[in-house]
C-alpha atoms as a PDB file:
ATOM      1  CA  MET A   1     -29.688 261.001 178.167  1.00  0.00           C
ATOM      2  CA  ARG A   2     -33.071 260.067 179.644  1.00  0.00           C
ATOM      3  CA  PRO A   3     -34.308 262.130 182.577  1.00  0.00           C
ATOM      4  CA  THR A   4     -34.470 260.354 185.917  1.00  0.00           C
ATOM      5  CA  ARG A   5     -38.010 259.472 186.896  1.00  0.00           C
ATOM      6  CA  VAL A   6     -39.087 258.550 190.400  1.00  0.00           C
ATOM      7  CA  CYS A   7     -42.048 256.249 190.829  1.00  0.00           C
ATOM      8  CA  ASP A   8     -43.411 253.635 193.220  1.00  0.00           C
ATOM      9  CA  ALA A   9     -41.856 250.187 193.067  1.00  0.00           C
ATOM     10  CA  GLY A  10     -43.813 248.099 190.570  1.00  0.00           C
ATOM     11  CA  ALA A  11     -45.516 251.081 188.954  1.00  0.00           C
ATOM     12  CA  VAL A  12     -45.355 251.224 185.176  1.00  0.00           C
ATOM     13  CA  LEU A  13     -44.756 254.657 183.654  1.00  0.00           C
ATOM     14  CA  SER A  14     -47.068 255.780 180.861  1.00  0.00           C
ATOM     15  CA  ASP A  15     -44.399 255.880 178.132  1.00  0.00           C
ATOM     16  CA  ASP A  16     -43.252 252.411 179.198  1.00  0.00           C
ATOM     17  CA  LEU A  17     -46.865 251.235 179.121  1.00  0.00           C
ATOM     18  CA  VAL A  18     -47.244 252.399 175.522  1.00  0.00           C
ATOM     19  CA  ARG A  19     -44.160 250.383 174.526  1.00  0.00           C
ATOM     20  CA  LEU A  20     -45.362 247.371 176.532  1.00  0.00           C
ATOM     21  CA  ARG A  21     -48.730 247.468 174.772  1.00  0.00           C
ATOM     22  CA  ARG A  22     -46.958 247.572 171.428  1.00  0.00           C
ATOM     23  CA  ALA A  23     -44.898 244.531 172.442  1.00  0.00           C
ATOM     24  CA  ARG A  24     -48.071 242.732 173.564  1.00  0.00           C
ATOM     25  CA  ASP A  25     -49.755 243.639 170.266  1.00  0.00           C
ATOM     26  CA  ARG A  26     -46.733 242.228 168.442  1.00  0.00           C
ATOM     27  CA  MET A  27     -47.096 238.960 170.379  1.00  0.00           C
ATOM     28  CA  ASP A  28     -50.800 238.831 169.487  1.00  0.00           C
ATOM     29  CA  ARG A  29     -50.059 239.509 165.819  1.00  0.00           C
ATOM     30  CA  ASP A  30     -46.849 237.475 165.354  1.00  0.00           C
ATOM     31  CA  TYR A  31     -47.504 234.604 167.803  1.00  0.00           C
ATOM     32  CA  ALA A  32     -46.483 232.033 165.174  1.00  0.00           C
ATOM     33  CA  GLN A  33     -43.067 233.667 164.685  1.00  0.00           C
ATOM     34  CA  PRO A  34     -40.052 232.791 166.838  1.00  0.00           C
ATOM     35  CA  LEU A  35     -40.292 235.564 169.445  1.00  0.00           C
ATOM     36  CA  ASP A  36     -38.039 235.875 172.473  1.00  0.00           C
ATOM     37  CA  VAL A  37     -37.953 238.268 175.397  1.00  0.00           C
ATOM     38  CA  ALA A  38     -34.670 239.853 174.298  1.00  0.00           C
ATOM     39  CA  ALA A  39     -36.073 240.821 170.879  1.00  0.00           C
ATOM     40  CA  LEU A  40     -39.326 242.103 172.373  1.00  0.00           C
ATOM     41  CA  ALA A  41     -37.394 244.113 174.975  1.00  0.00           C
ATOM     42  CA  LYS A  42     -35.177 245.603 172.294  1.00  0.00           C
ATOM     43  CA  GLY A  43     -38.245 246.662 170.323  1.00  0.00           C
ATOM     44  CA  ALA A  44     -39.620 248.282 173.492  1.00  0.00           C
ATOM     45  CA  LEU A  45     -36.305 250.092 174.097  1.00  0.00           C
ATOM     46  CA  MET A  46     -35.786 248.312 177.434  1.00  0.00           C
ATOM     47  CA  SER A  47     -33.380 245.819 178.920  1.00  0.00           C
ATOM     48  CA  SER A  48     -34.697 242.247 179.101  1.00  0.00           C
ATOM     49  CA  GLY A  49     -34.969 242.358 182.891  1.00  0.00           C
ATOM     50  CA  HIS A  50     -36.778 245.699 182.993  1.00  0.00           C
ATOM     51  CA  PHE A  51     -39.083 244.580 180.176  1.00  0.00           C
ATOM     52  CA  SER A  52     -40.013 241.347 181.979  1.00  0.00           C
ATOM     53  CA  ARG A  53     -40.629 243.091 185.321  1.00  0.00           C
ATOM     54  CA  SER A  54     -42.637 245.898 183.718  1.00  0.00           C
ATOM     55  CA  PHE A  55     -44.666 243.477 181.576  1.00  0.00           C
ATOM     56  CA  ARG A  56     -45.576 241.402 184.640  1.00  0.00           C
ATOM     57  CA  ALA A  57     -46.514 244.552 186.592  1.00  0.00           C
ATOM     58  CA  ALA A  58     -48.684 245.838 183.732  1.00  0.00           C
ATOM     59  CA  PHE A  59     -50.374 242.627 182.569  1.00  0.00           C
ATOM     60  CA  GLY A  60     -50.097 240.197 185.489  1.00  0.00           C
ATOM     61  CA  GLU A  61     -47.962 237.539 183.817  1.00  0.00           C
ATOM     62  CA  SER A  62     -44.539 237.182 182.267  1.00  0.00           C
ATOM     63  CA  PRO A  63     -44.043 237.866 178.544  1.00  0.00           C
ATOM     64  CA  HIS A  64     -43.324 234.175 177.910  1.00  0.00           C
ATOM     65  CA  SER A  65     -46.473 233.059 179.751  1.00  0.00           C
ATOM     66  CA  TYR A  66     -48.559 235.603 177.843  1.00  0.00           C
ATOM     67  CA  LEU A  67     -47.162 234.422 174.509  1.00  0.00           C
ATOM     68  CA  MET A  68     -47.734 230.750 175.350  1.00  0.00           C
ATOM     69  CA  THR A  69     -51.290 231.489 176.481  1.00  0.00           C
ATOM     70  CA  ARG A  70     -51.986 233.201 173.145  1.00  0.00           C
ATOM     71  CA  ARG A  71     -50.437 230.262 171.266  1.00  0.00           C
ATOM     72  CA  VAL A  72     -52.582 227.768 173.178  1.00  0.00           C
ATOM     73  CA  GLU A  73     -55.650 229.919 172.537  1.00  0.00           C
ATOM     74  CA  ARG A  74     -54.962 229.790 168.787  1.00  0.00           C
ATOM     75  CA  ALA A  75     -54.144 226.074 169.000  1.00  0.00           C
ATOM     76  CA  LYS A  76     -57.527 225.379 170.592  1.00  0.00           C
ATOM     77  CA  ALA A  77     -59.268 227.020 167.631  1.00  0.00           C
ATOM     78  CA  LEU A  78     -57.215 224.986 165.132  1.00  0.00           C
ATOM     79  CA  LEU A  79     -57.805 221.743 167.046  1.00  0.00           C
ATOM     80  CA  ARG A  80     -61.567 222.401 167.174  1.00  0.00           C
ATOM     81  CA  ARG A  81     -61.577 222.607 163.363  1.00  0.00           C
ATOM     82  CA  GLY A  82     -60.161 219.079 163.289  1.00  0.00           C
ATOM     83  CA  ASP A  83     -58.431 219.238 159.899  1.00  0.00           C
ATOM     84  CA  LEU A  84     -54.856 219.453 161.277  1.00  0.00           C
ATOM     85  CA  SER A  85     -52.916 216.973 163.362  1.00  0.00           C
ATOM     86  CA  VAL A  86     -51.604 217.970 166.794  1.00  0.00           C
ATOM     87  CA  THR A  87     -48.074 218.188 165.353  1.00  0.00           C
ATOM     88  CA  GLU A  88     -49.225 220.478 162.532  1.00  0.00           C
ATOM     89  CA  VAL A  89     -51.053 222.691 165.028  1.00  0.00           C
ATOM     90  CA  CYS A  90     -47.955 222.799 167.243  1.00  0.00           C
ATOM     91  CA  PHE A  91     -45.824 224.187 164.433  1.00  0.00           C
ATOM     92  CA  ALA A  92     -48.619 226.409 163.064  1.00  0.00           C
ATOM     93  CA  VAL A  93     -48.802 228.341 166.346  1.00  0.00           C
ATOM     94  CA  GLY A  94     -45.042 228.873 166.552  1.00  0.00           C
ATOM     95  CA  CYS A  95     -43.920 226.124 168.918  1.00  0.00           C
ATOM     96  CA  SER A  96     -40.822 224.195 167.915  1.00  0.00           C
ATOM     97  CA  SER A  97     -41.153 221.308 170.378  1.00  0.00           C
ATOM     98  CA  LEU A  98     -44.188 219.021 170.399  1.00  0.00           C
ATOM     99  CA  GLY A  99     -43.399 217.892 173.950  1.00  0.00           C
ATOM    100  CA  SER A 100     -43.212 221.433 175.325  1.00  0.00           C
ATOM    101  CA  PHE A 101     -46.355 222.403 173.427  1.00  0.00           C
ATOM    102  CA  SER A 102     -48.269 219.384 174.771  1.00  0.00           C
ATOM    103  CA  SER A 103     -47.108 220.045 178.330  1.00  0.00           C
ATOM    104  CA  ARG A 104     -48.082 223.714 178.227  1.00  0.00           C
ATOM    105  CA  PHE A 105     -51.405 222.939 176.505  1.00  0.00           C
ATOM    106  CA  THR A 106     -52.248 220.364 179.178  1.00  0.00           C
ATOM    107  CA  GLU A 107     -51.253 222.808 181.933  1.00  0.00           C
ATOM    108  CA  LEU A 108     -53.485 225.570 180.555  1.00  0.00           C
ATOM    109  CA  VAL A 109     -56.454 223.603 179.231  1.00  0.00           C
ATOM    110  CA  GLY A 110     -56.593 220.636 181.591  1.00  0.00           C
ATOM    111  CA  GLU A 111     -56.411 217.949 178.917  1.00  0.00           C
ATOM    112  CA  SER A 112     -53.935 216.891 176.254  1.00  0.00           C
ATOM    113  CA  PRO A 113     -54.117 218.395 172.748  1.00  0.00           C
ATOM    114  CA  SER A 114     -55.124 215.041 171.239  1.00  0.00           C
ATOM    115  CA  ALA A 115     -57.911 214.566 173.813  1.00  0.00           C
ATOM    116  CA  TYR A 116     -59.093 218.135 173.189  1.00  0.00           C
ATOM    117  CA  ARG A 117     -59.081 217.544 169.427  1.00  0.00           C
ATOM    118  CA  ALA A 118     -61.030 214.269 169.771  1.00  0.00           C
ATOM    119  CA  ARG A 119     -63.717 215.756 172.026  1.00  0.00           C
ATOM    120  CA  ALA A 120     -66.882 217.220 170.483  1.00  0.00           C
ATOM    121  CA  HIS A 121     -67.011 221.016 170.560  1.00  0.00           C
ATOM    122  CA  ASP A 122     -70.664 221.627 169.741  1.00  0.00           C
ATOM    123  CA  GLU A 123     -71.067 223.973 172.722  1.00  0.00           C
ATOM    124  CA  VAL A 124     -69.454 226.858 170.831  1.00  0.00           C
ATOM    125  CA  VAL A 125     -71.468 226.447 167.618  1.00  0.00           C
ATOM    126  CA  GLY A 126     -73.672 229.486 167.043  1.00  0.00           C
ATOM    127  CA  ILE A 127     -71.930 231.616 169.661  1.00  0.00           C
ATOM    128  CA  PRO A 128     -70.395 234.850 168.343  1.00  0.00           C
ATOM    129  CA  ALA A 129     -66.605 234.610 168.132  1.00  0.00           C
ATOM    130  CA  CYS A 130     -66.030 237.461 170.597  1.00  0.00           C
ATOM    131  CA  TYR A 131     -67.960 235.580 173.317  1.00  0.00           C
ATOM    132  CA  ALA A 132     -66.471 232.207 172.419  1.00  0.00           C
ATOM    133  CA  LYS A 133     -62.947 233.628 172.773  1.00  0.00           C
ATOM    134  CA  ARG A 134     -63.770 235.147 176.138  1.00  0.00           C
ATOM    135  CA  PHE A 135     -65.175 231.948 177.615  1.00  0.00           C
ATOM    136  CA  THR A 136     -62.770 229.496 175.967  1.00  0.00           C
ATOM    137  CA  ARG A 137     -59.598 231.453 176.861  1.00  0.00           C
ATOM    138  CA  PRO A 138     -57.052 229.127 178.488  1.00  0.00           C
ATOM    139  CA  VAL A 139     -56.615 229.420 182.254  1.00  0.00           C
ATOM    140  CA  ARG A 140     -53.658 227.941 184.110  1.00  0.00           C
ATOM    141  CA  HIS A 141     -54.463 224.809 186.119  1.00  0.00           C
ATOM    142  CA  PRO A 142     -52.097 223.509 188.798  1.00  0.00           C
ATOM    143  CA  VAL A 143     -50.220 220.334 187.921  1.00  0.00           C
ATOM    144  CA  THR A 144     -50.197 217.590 190.561  1.00  0.00           C
ATOM    145  CA  ASN A 145     -48.585 214.175 190.172  1.00  0.00           C
ATOM    146  CA  GLY A 146     -47.720 214.956 186.563  1.00  0.00           C
ATOM    147  CA  GLU A 147     -51.339 215.584 185.531  1.00  0.00           C
ATOM    148  CA  ALA A 148     -53.197 218.854 185.249  1.00  0.00           C
ATOM    149  CA  THR A 149     -56.222 219.331 187.442  1.00  0.00           C
ATOM    150  CA  PRO A 150     -59.272 219.449 185.162  1.00  0.00           C
ATOM    151  CA  PRO A 151     -61.408 222.608 185.409  1.00  0.00           C
ATOM    152  CA  SER A 152     -64.401 220.620 186.760  1.00  0.00           C
ATOM    153  CA  ALA A 153     -62.332 219.341 189.718  1.00  0.00           C
ATOM    154  CA  LYS A 154     -61.888 222.833 191.205  1.00  0.00           C
END
């Protein structure tokens, strides 16, 4: 039986944080695999609800949002290469629905995957990968009238 621990609402305990980091590392490593919150929670020895609440408190977004952001980040790199179609990229990053992938990509990036793929990406040539990842990381853009607000419109 686990000892009862008292903490502030929303605070993440250190042993929980270790398990949450392991779950996040698993999402980073296995992003192309079919991952769901229940399986991640089980691996972290938590209920799904507690896992989701703790993950959001620790990292600022839900486990599903974090995973989709990582998938879109990887998709951007594959689309910049230009040798795979949007559908191939969708499945390569672990998404099973092209429509859902396109919607989430557009929400995070501000343009559709096909438009992103067609656009020239010379601005990241010669930049070390660690900096390119930092500055090309997807950021959520609000959707209005069915279209994402482009980053330049903010």
